[in-house]
Amino acid sequence: MANVFSAAEIIDMGIVKEKKRRDFYGYAADKFKEKDMKDLFSRLRDWEDEHIKKFTDIRNSTETYEIKESYQGEFAAYMKFVVDDMLYNQVSADWFAKNVKEAITAIRYGIEFEKDAILFFSELLKYMMGPNKEKVEELINEEKKHLIYLSELKVKYAK
């Protein structure tokens, strides 16, 4: 029998991803001494913390909502792939210290995290209803702003 996830369980997966992004940005804020880099990653960390709070509110209002699939196991297989991402499995203080030596590297990882967030929450959006759907759309738009911001910084720091 295939796994069946409730919307709340899927949102929990998203919250885990938000926490990993927050932790990554926190490591970056601690590592870099340049004021602009420290400020950038502190701001991104704080934004992810706000997303965690918003998704927790959404999660608390979706306890009984069930995911509808077009075939048995569809959503479970897809979400397993999305959540078991190597990018997220790597995030730890030790990994960060060994692998992120320059601001441009942290910016590139941040871009990947933001693209992943947009993909994950866009897929989740298909299964949301009513006011929760609108909240998820707002968060997707915020992640897009983060992506644009980081992309602009990448151009600046790549020079």
N, C-alpha and C. Protein backbone atom coordinates (compact mmCIF):
# COMPACT_ATOMS: atom_id res chain seq x y z
N MET A 1 0.85 -1.18 0.00
CA MET A 1 0.00 0.00 0.00
C MET A 1 0.89 1.24 0.00
N ALA A 2 0.55 2.21 -0.80
CA ALA A 2 1.34 3.43 -0.92
C ALA A 2 1.13 4.32 0.30
N ASN A 3 2.12 5.16 0.56
CA ASN A 3 1.97 6.14 1.62
C ASN A 3 0.94 7.18 1.21
N VAL A 4 0.17 7.62 2.18
CA VAL A 4 -0.79 8.68 1.93
C VAL A 4 -0.41 9.81 2.88
N PHE A 5 -0.29 10.99 2.33
CA PHE A 5 0.08 12.14 3.13
C PHE A 5 -1.11 13.08 3.26
N SER A 6 -1.24 13.68 4.42
CA SER A 6 -2.21 14.76 4.56
C SER A 6 -1.51 16.05 4.13
N ALA A 7 -2.29 17.07 3.86
CA ALA A 7 -1.70 18.36 3.51
C ALA A 7 -0.81 18.85 4.65
N ALA A 8 -1.23 18.59 5.89
CA ALA A 8 -0.43 19.03 7.04
C ALA A 8 0.94 18.36 7.03
N GLU A 9 1.01 17.08 6.68
CA GLU A 9 2.30 16.39 6.62
C GLU A 9 3.19 16.97 5.52
N ILE A 10 2.60 17.32 4.41
CA ILE A 10 3.37 17.92 3.32
C ILE A 10 3.89 19.28 3.75
N ILE A 11 3.05 20.05 4.43
CA ILE A 11 3.48 21.34 4.92
C ILE A 11 4.61 21.16 5.94
N ASP A 12 4.53 20.12 6.76
CA ASP A 12 5.62 19.82 7.69
C ASP A 12 6.94 19.62 6.94
N MET A 13 6.89 18.94 5.80
CA MET A 13 8.09 18.76 4.98
C MET A 13 8.63 20.11 4.52
N GLY A 14 7.72 20.98 4.13
CA GLY A 14 8.12 22.33 3.72
C GLY A 14 8.75 23.11 4.86
N ILE A 15 8.21 22.94 6.05
CA ILE A 15 8.76 23.62 7.23
C ILE A 15 10.18 23.13 7.50
N VAL A 16 10.40 21.84 7.36
CA VAL A 16 11.76 21.29 7.53
C VAL A 16 12.72 21.94 6.54
N LYS A 17 12.28 22.09 5.30
CA LYS A 17 13.12 22.72 4.28
C LYS A 17 13.37 24.20 4.62
N GLU A 18 12.35 24.88 5.10
CA GLU A 18 12.53 26.28 5.50
C GLU A 18 13.56 26.38 6.63
N LYS A 19 13.51 25.46 7.58
CA LYS A 19 14.47 25.48 8.69
C LYS A 19 15.89 25.23 8.19
N LYS A 20 16.04 24.35 7.22
CA LYS A 20 17.37 24.10 6.65
C LYS A 20 17.90 25.35 5.95
N ARG A 21 17.02 26.03 5.20
CA ARG A 21 17.44 27.27 4.54
C ARG A 21 17.82 28.31 5.58
N ARG A 22 17.00 28.43 6.61
CA ARG A 22 17.30 29.38 7.69
C ARG A 22 18.65 29.08 8.31
N ASP A 23 18.92 27.80 8.57
CA ASP A 23 20.19 27.41 9.17
C ASP A 23 21.36 27.74 8.25
N PHE A 24 21.20 27.47 6.95
CA PHE A 24 22.25 27.78 5.99
C PHE A 24 22.57 29.27 6.02
N TYR A 25 21.54 30.10 5.96
CA TYR A 25 21.75 31.54 5.97
C TYR A 25 22.36 32.00 7.30
N GLY A 26 21.99 31.33 8.38
CA GLY A 26 22.60 31.65 9.68
C GLY A 26 24.08 31.33 9.70
N TYR A 27 24.47 30.18 9.13
CA TYR A 27 25.90 29.84 9.03
C TYR A 27 26.64 30.89 8.22
N ALA A 28 26.02 31.33 7.13
CA ALA A 28 26.65 32.33 6.27
C ALA A 28 26.79 33.66 7.01
N ALA A 29 25.76 34.06 7.73
CA ALA A 29 25.81 35.32 8.48
C ALA A 29 26.92 35.28 9.53
N ASP A 30 27.13 34.13 10.14
CA ASP A 30 28.18 33.99 11.15
C ASP A 30 29.57 33.95 10.53
N LYS A 31 29.69 33.39 9.34
CA LYS A 31 31.00 33.17 8.73
C LYS A 31 31.61 34.44 8.16
N PHE A 32 30.82 35.20 7.43
CA PHE A 32 31.37 36.33 6.69
C PHE A 32 31.45 37.58 7.57
N LYS A 33 32.58 38.24 7.51
CA LYS A 33 32.82 39.42 8.35
C LYS A 33 32.42 40.72 7.65
N GLU A 34 32.37 40.70 6.31
CA GLU A 34 32.00 41.91 5.58
C GLU A 34 30.57 42.30 5.96
N LYS A 35 30.37 43.55 6.27
CA LYS A 35 29.07 44.00 6.76
C LYS A 35 27.95 43.70 5.76
N ASP A 36 28.19 43.93 4.47
CA ASP A 36 27.11 43.70 3.50
C ASP A 36 26.74 42.23 3.42
N MET A 37 27.71 41.33 3.52
CA MET A 37 27.42 39.89 3.48
C MET A 37 26.73 39.44 4.77
N LYS A 38 27.22 39.92 5.89
CA LYS A 38 26.61 39.58 7.18
C LYS A 38 25.16 40.06 7.21
N ASP A 39 24.92 41.28 6.74
CA ASP A 39 23.56 41.83 6.70
C ASP A 39 22.67 41.04 5.75
N LEU A 40 23.20 40.72 4.57
CA LEU A 40 22.44 39.96 3.57
C LEU A 40 21.96 38.63 4.15
N PHE A 41 22.89 37.85 4.67
CA PHE A 41 22.53 36.51 5.14
C PHE A 41 21.72 36.56 6.43
N SER A 42 21.92 37.57 7.25
CA SER A 42 21.07 37.74 8.44
C SER A 42 19.64 38.03 8.02
N ARG A 43 19.49 38.90 7.03
CA ARG A 43 18.16 39.25 6.53
C ARG A 43 17.48 38.01 5.93
N LEU A 44 18.21 37.25 5.12
CA LEU A 44 17.64 36.03 4.53
C LEU A 44 17.25 35.02 5.62
N ARG A 45 18.10 34.88 6.64
CA ARG A 45 17.79 33.99 7.77
C ARG A 45 16.49 34.42 8.44
N ASP A 46 16.35 35.71 8.68
CA ASP A 46 15.16 36.22 9.35
C ASP A 46 13.91 36.04 8.48
N TRP A 47 14.06 36.22 7.17
CA TRP A 47 12.93 36.01 6.26
C TRP A 47 12.48 34.55 6.31
N GLU A 48 13.43 33.63 6.32
CA GLU A 48 13.06 32.21 6.39
C GLU A 48 12.37 31.91 7.72
N ASP A 49 12.80 32.55 8.79
CA ASP A 49 12.14 32.37 10.08
C ASP A 49 10.68 32.82 10.02
N GLU A 50 10.44 33.93 9.33
CA GLU A 50 9.06 34.40 9.14
C GLU A 50 8.25 33.39 8.33
N HIS A 51 8.87 32.79 7.32
CA HIS A 51 8.18 31.78 6.52
C HIS A 51 7.81 30.57 7.38
N ILE A 52 8.70 30.18 8.26
CA ILE A 52 8.42 29.05 9.15
C ILE A 52 7.17 29.35 9.98
N LYS A 53 7.08 30.56 10.50
CA LYS A 53 5.91 30.95 11.29
C LYS A 53 4.64 30.92 10.44
N LYS A 54 4.73 31.45 9.23
CA LYS A 54 3.55 31.49 8.35
C LYS A 54 3.11 30.08 7.97
N PHE A 55 4.07 29.22 7.64
CA PHE A 55 3.71 27.86 7.27
C PHE A 55 3.20 27.07 8.47
N THR A 56 3.68 27.38 9.64
CA THR A 56 3.16 26.72 10.84
C THR A 56 1.69 27.10 11.04
N ASP A 57 1.36 28.37 10.80
CA ASP A 57 -0.04 28.80 10.89
C ASP A 57 -0.90 28.06 9.85
N ILE A 58 -0.39 27.97 8.63
CA ILE A 58 -1.12 27.26 7.58
C ILE A 58 -1.30 25.80 7.98
N ARG A 59 -0.23 25.20 8.46
CA ARG A 59 -0.27 23.78 8.86
C ARG A 59 -1.33 23.55 9.93
N ASN A 60 -1.38 24.44 10.89
CA ASN A 60 -2.34 24.28 11.99
C ASN A 60 -3.79 24.38 11.54
N SER A 61 -4.02 24.92 10.36
CA SER A 61 -5.40 25.04 9.88
C SER A 61 -5.73 23.99 8.82
N THR A 62 -4.84 23.02 8.58
CA THR A 62 -5.07 22.03 7.52
C THR A 62 -5.00 20.59 8.03
N GLU A 63 -5.27 20.38 9.29
CA GLU A 63 -5.12 19.05 9.90
C GLU A 63 -5.81 17.92 9.13
N THR A 64 -7.01 18.16 8.66
CA THR A 64 -7.77 17.04 8.09
C THR A 64 -7.81 17.03 6.57
N TYR A 65 -7.23 17.98 5.93
CA TYR A 65 -7.26 18.05 4.47
C TYR A 65 -6.38 16.96 3.88
N GLU A 66 -6.92 16.16 2.97
CA GLU A 66 -6.16 15.07 2.37
C GLU A 66 -5.78 15.39 0.93
N ILE A 67 -4.62 14.89 0.53
CA ILE A 67 -4.12 15.09 -0.82
C ILE A 67 -4.83 14.13 -1.77
N LYS A 68 -5.29 14.65 -2.90
CA LYS A 68 -5.92 13.80 -3.92
C LYS A 68 -4.89 13.53 -5.01
N GLU A 69 -4.76 12.28 -5.39
CA GLU A 69 -3.79 11.87 -6.40
C GLU A 69 -4.52 11.41 -7.66
N SER A 70 -3.85 11.50 -8.80
CA SER A 70 -4.44 10.98 -10.03
C SER A 70 -4.23 9.47 -10.14
N TYR A 71 -3.22 8.93 -9.42
CA TYR A 71 -3.03 7.49 -9.30
C TYR A 71 -2.38 7.22 -7.94
N GLN A 72 -2.58 6.04 -7.41
CA GLN A 72 -2.11 5.70 -6.07
C GLN A 72 -0.59 5.80 -5.99
N GLY A 73 -0.10 6.54 -5.01
CA GLY A 73 1.34 6.67 -4.78
C GLY A 73 1.99 7.84 -5.51
N GLU A 74 1.24 8.53 -6.34
CA GLU A 74 1.80 9.64 -7.13
C GLU A 74 2.45 10.70 -6.24
N PHE A 75 1.70 11.20 -5.30
CA PHE A 75 2.19 12.30 -4.49
C PHE A 75 3.32 11.85 -3.56
N ALA A 76 3.19 10.68 -2.99
CA ALA A 76 4.23 10.16 -2.09
C ALA A 76 5.56 10.04 -2.81
N ALA A 77 5.56 9.51 -4.01
CA ALA A 77 6.79 9.35 -4.78
C ALA A 77 7.40 10.71 -5.10
N TYR A 78 6.58 11.63 -5.53
CA TYR A 78 7.08 12.95 -5.90
C TYR A 78 7.64 13.68 -4.68
N MET A 79 6.91 13.66 -3.57
CA MET A 79 7.36 14.38 -2.39
C MET A 79 8.62 13.75 -1.80
N LYS A 80 8.75 12.44 -1.89
CA LYS A 80 9.98 11.80 -1.41
C LYS A 80 11.16 12.33 -2.19
N PHE A 81 11.02 12.45 -3.49
CA PHE A 81 12.09 12.99 -4.32
C PHE A 81 12.40 14.44 -3.93
N VAL A 82 11.37 15.24 -3.74
CA VAL A 82 11.56 16.65 -3.44
C VAL A 82 12.21 16.85 -2.07
N VAL A 83 11.80 16.07 -1.08
CA VAL A 83 12.32 16.25 0.27
C VAL A 83 13.70 15.63 0.45
N ASP A 84 13.98 14.52 -0.21
CA ASP A 84 15.27 13.84 -0.05
C ASP A 84 16.35 14.46 -0.94
N ASP A 85 16.35 15.74 -1.04
CA ASP A 85 17.28 16.47 -1.90
C ASP A 85 18.66 16.53 -1.24
N MET A 86 19.70 16.26 -2.00
CA MET A 86 21.07 16.29 -1.50
C MET A 86 21.43 17.66 -0.94
N LEU A 87 20.93 18.71 -1.56
CA LEU A 87 21.20 20.06 -1.10
C LEU A 87 20.85 20.23 0.37
N TYR A 88 19.71 19.70 0.76
CA TYR A 88 19.27 19.85 2.15
C TYR A 88 20.00 18.89 3.08
N ASN A 89 20.36 17.74 2.59
CA ASN A 89 21.07 16.78 3.42
C ASN A 89 22.46 17.27 3.79
N GLN A 90 23.01 18.19 3.01
CA GLN A 90 24.36 18.69 3.24
C GLN A 90 24.43 19.77 4.31
N VAL A 91 23.35 20.43 4.60
CA VAL A 91 23.41 21.60 5.47
C VAL A 91 23.72 21.21 6.91
N SER A 92 24.90 21.61 7.34
CA SER A 92 25.33 21.49 8.73
C SER A 92 26.45 22.49 8.93
N ALA A 93 26.74 22.81 10.15
CA ALA A 93 27.82 23.76 10.42
C ALA A 93 29.15 23.23 9.90
N ASP A 94 29.41 21.93 10.11
CA ASP A 94 30.68 21.34 9.65
C ASP A 94 30.78 21.38 8.13
N TRP A 95 29.71 20.97 7.45
CA TRP A 95 29.73 20.98 6.00
C TRP A 95 29.95 22.39 5.49
N PHE A 96 29.24 23.35 6.09
CA PHE A 96 29.35 24.73 5.64
C PHE A 96 30.79 25.22 5.80
N ALA A 97 31.40 24.97 6.95
CA ALA A 97 32.76 25.43 7.20
C ALA A 97 33.76 24.86 6.20
N LYS A 98 33.55 23.62 5.79
CA LYS A 98 34.46 22.96 4.85
C LYS A 98 34.24 23.40 3.41
N ASN A 99 33.02 23.71 3.04
CA ASN A 99 32.68 23.89 1.64
C ASN A 99 32.36 25.30 1.19
N VAL A 100 32.08 26.19 2.11
CA VAL A 100 31.72 27.55 1.72
C VAL A 100 32.80 28.50 2.24
N LYS A 101 33.70 28.86 1.33
CA LYS A 101 34.83 29.71 1.70
C LYS A 101 34.65 31.16 1.27
N GLU A 102 33.84 31.38 0.22
CA GLU A 102 33.67 32.73 -0.32
C GLU A 102 32.19 33.08 -0.36
N ALA A 103 31.93 34.39 -0.33
CA ALA A 103 30.55 34.87 -0.38
C ALA A 103 29.84 34.40 -1.65
N ILE A 104 30.53 34.38 -2.78
CA ILE A 104 29.89 33.97 -4.04
C ILE A 104 29.38 32.53 -3.95
N THR A 105 30.10 31.68 -3.24
CA THR A 105 29.66 30.30 -3.08
C THR A 105 28.38 30.24 -2.26
N ALA A 106 28.33 31.01 -1.18
CA ALA A 106 27.12 31.06 -0.35
C ALA A 106 25.95 31.61 -1.15
N ILE A 107 26.21 32.61 -1.97
CA ILE A 107 25.15 33.19 -2.81
C ILE A 107 24.63 32.14 -3.79
N ARG A 108 25.54 31.39 -4.40
CA ARG A 108 25.10 30.34 -5.35
C ARG A 108 24.25 29.28 -4.66
N TYR A 109 24.67 28.85 -3.47
CA TYR A 109 23.85 27.89 -2.73
C TYR A 109 22.50 28.51 -2.37
N GLY A 110 22.51 29.77 -1.97
CA GLY A 110 21.26 30.45 -1.64
C GLY A 110 20.30 30.47 -2.83
N ILE A 111 20.84 30.71 -4.02
CA ILE A 111 20.02 30.69 -5.23
C ILE A 111 19.39 29.32 -5.42
N GLU A 112 20.16 28.27 -5.22
CA GLU A 112 19.62 26.91 -5.36
C GLU A 112 18.53 26.65 -4.32
N PHE A 113 18.74 27.10 -3.09
CA PHE A 113 17.71 26.94 -2.06
C PHE A 113 16.43 27.67 -2.43
N GLU A 114 16.56 28.87 -2.93
CA GLU A 114 15.38 29.65 -3.28
C GLU A 114 14.63 29.03 -4.46
N LYS A 115 15.37 28.55 -5.46
CA LYS A 115 14.71 27.88 -6.58
C LYS A 115 13.98 26.64 -6.09
N ASP A 116 14.61 25.90 -5.19
CA ASP A 116 13.97 24.71 -4.64
C ASP A 116 12.70 25.08 -3.89
N ALA A 117 12.74 26.16 -3.12
CA ALA A 117 11.56 26.59 -2.36
C ALA A 117 10.42 26.93 -3.31
N ILE A 118 10.73 27.62 -4.39
CA ILE A 118 9.70 27.99 -5.36
C ILE A 118 9.08 26.73 -5.97
N LEU A 119 9.90 25.77 -6.34
CA LEU A 119 9.40 24.52 -6.91
C LEU A 119 8.55 23.77 -5.90
N PHE A 120 9.05 23.59 -4.70
CA PHE A 120 8.33 22.83 -3.67
C PHE A 120 6.98 23.46 -3.38
N PHE A 121 6.96 24.76 -3.13
CA PHE A 121 5.71 25.41 -2.75
C PHE A 121 4.77 25.57 -3.93
N SER A 122 5.29 25.67 -5.13
CA SER A 122 4.43 25.70 -6.32
C SER A 122 3.71 24.36 -6.47
N GLU A 123 4.41 23.28 -6.22
CA GLU A 123 3.78 21.96 -6.28
C GLU A 123 2.76 21.80 -5.16
N LEU A 124 3.09 22.28 -3.97
CA LEU A 124 2.17 22.21 -2.84
C LEU A 124 0.91 23.01 -3.14
N LEU A 125 1.07 24.11 -3.82
CA LEU A 125 -0.05 25.00 -4.13
C LEU A 125 -1.18 24.27 -4.85
N LYS A 126 -0.84 23.30 -5.67
CA LYS A 126 -1.85 22.54 -6.42
C LYS A 126 -2.82 21.81 -5.49
N TYR A 127 -2.39 21.56 -4.28
CA TYR A 127 -3.19 20.76 -3.35
C TYR A 127 -3.80 21.60 -2.23
N MET A 128 -3.66 22.91 -2.31
CA MET A 128 -4.18 23.80 -1.27
C MET A 128 -5.51 24.38 -1.71
N MET A 129 -6.27 24.85 -0.71
CA MET A 129 -7.57 25.43 -1.00
C MET A 129 -7.71 26.74 -0.23
N GLY A 130 -8.59 27.60 -0.72
CA GLY A 130 -9.01 28.80 -0.02
C GLY A 130 -7.91 29.72 0.44
N PRO A 131 -8.08 30.25 1.66
CA PRO A 131 -7.13 31.25 2.16
C PRO A 131 -5.71 30.69 2.30
N ASN A 132 -5.57 29.40 2.55
CA ASN A 132 -4.22 28.82 2.64
C ASN A 132 -3.50 28.88 1.30
N LYS A 133 -4.25 28.70 0.23
CA LYS A 133 -3.67 28.79 -1.10
C LYS A 133 -3.12 30.19 -1.33
N GLU A 134 -3.87 31.20 -0.93
CA GLU A 134 -3.42 32.58 -1.08
C GLU A 134 -2.17 32.85 -0.26
N LYS A 135 -2.09 32.29 0.94
CA LYS A 135 -0.91 32.47 1.79
C LYS A 135 0.32 31.82 1.15
N VAL A 136 0.14 30.63 0.58
CA VAL A 136 1.25 29.95 -0.08
C VAL A 136 1.69 30.75 -1.31
N GLU A 137 0.75 31.30 -2.05
CA GLU A 137 1.10 32.14 -3.21
C GLU A 137 1.93 33.35 -2.77
N GLU A 138 1.58 33.97 -1.66
CA GLU A 138 2.34 35.10 -1.13
C GLU A 138 3.77 34.67 -0.79
N LEU A 139 3.90 33.50 -0.17
CA LEU A 139 5.23 33.01 0.20
C LEU A 139 6.06 32.68 -1.04
N ILE A 140 5.43 32.14 -2.05
CA ILE A 140 6.15 31.87 -3.31
C ILE A 140 6.67 33.18 -3.89
N ASN A 141 5.86 34.21 -3.86
CA ASN A 141 6.29 35.51 -4.36
C ASN A 141 7.45 36.07 -3.55
N GLU A 142 7.45 35.85 -2.24
CA GLU A 142 8.57 36.27 -1.41
C GLU A 142 9.84 35.51 -1.79
N GLU A 143 9.71 34.20 -2.02
CA GLU A 143 10.88 33.40 -2.41
C GLU A 143 11.42 33.88 -3.76
N LYS A 144 10.53 34.28 -4.65
CA LYS A 144 10.96 34.81 -5.95
C LYS A 144 11.77 36.10 -5.76
N LYS A 145 11.33 36.94 -4.84
CA LYS A 145 12.07 38.17 -4.55
C LYS A 145 13.46 37.84 -4.01
N HIS A 146 13.55 36.83 -3.14
CA HIS A 146 14.85 36.42 -2.62
C HIS A 146 15.74 35.94 -3.76
N LEU A 147 15.16 35.17 -4.67
CA LEU A 147 15.91 34.65 -5.81
C LEU A 147 16.45 35.78 -6.67
N ILE A 148 15.63 36.75 -6.97
CA ILE A 148 16.07 37.89 -7.78
C ILE A 148 17.17 38.66 -7.05
N TYR A 149 16.99 38.88 -5.77
CA TYR A 149 17.97 39.60 -4.97
C TYR A 149 19.32 38.88 -4.99
N LEU A 150 19.29 37.58 -4.75
CA LEU A 150 20.53 36.81 -4.76
C LEU A 150 21.16 36.76 -6.16
N SER A 151 20.34 36.66 -7.18
CA SER A 151 20.85 36.63 -8.55
C SER A 151 21.56 37.93 -8.90
N GLU A 152 21.00 39.04 -8.46
CA GLU A 152 21.65 40.33 -8.70
C GLU A 152 22.97 40.41 -7.95
N LEU A 153 23.01 39.89 -6.73
CA LEU A 153 24.26 39.88 -5.97
C LEU A 153 25.30 38.96 -6.60
N LYS A 154 24.84 37.87 -7.16
CA LYS A 154 25.76 36.94 -7.82
C LYS A 154 26.51 37.65 -8.96
N VAL A 155 25.79 38.43 -9.73
CA VAL A 155 26.42 39.18 -10.81
C VAL A 155 27.45 40.15 -10.23
N LYS A 156 27.09 40.83 -9.17
CA LYS A 156 27.99 41.81 -8.53
C LYS A 156 29.25 41.12 -8.00
N TYR A 157 29.10 39.99 -7.32
CA TYR A 157 30.25 39.33 -6.67
C TYR A 157 31.04 38.43 -7.61
N ALA A 158 30.47 38.10 -8.76
CA ALA A 158 31.17 37.26 -9.71
C ALA A 158 32.24 38.05 -10.49
N LYS A 159 32.17 39.37 -10.42
CA LYS A 159 33.12 40.21 -11.16
C LYS A 159 34.50 40.17 -10.56
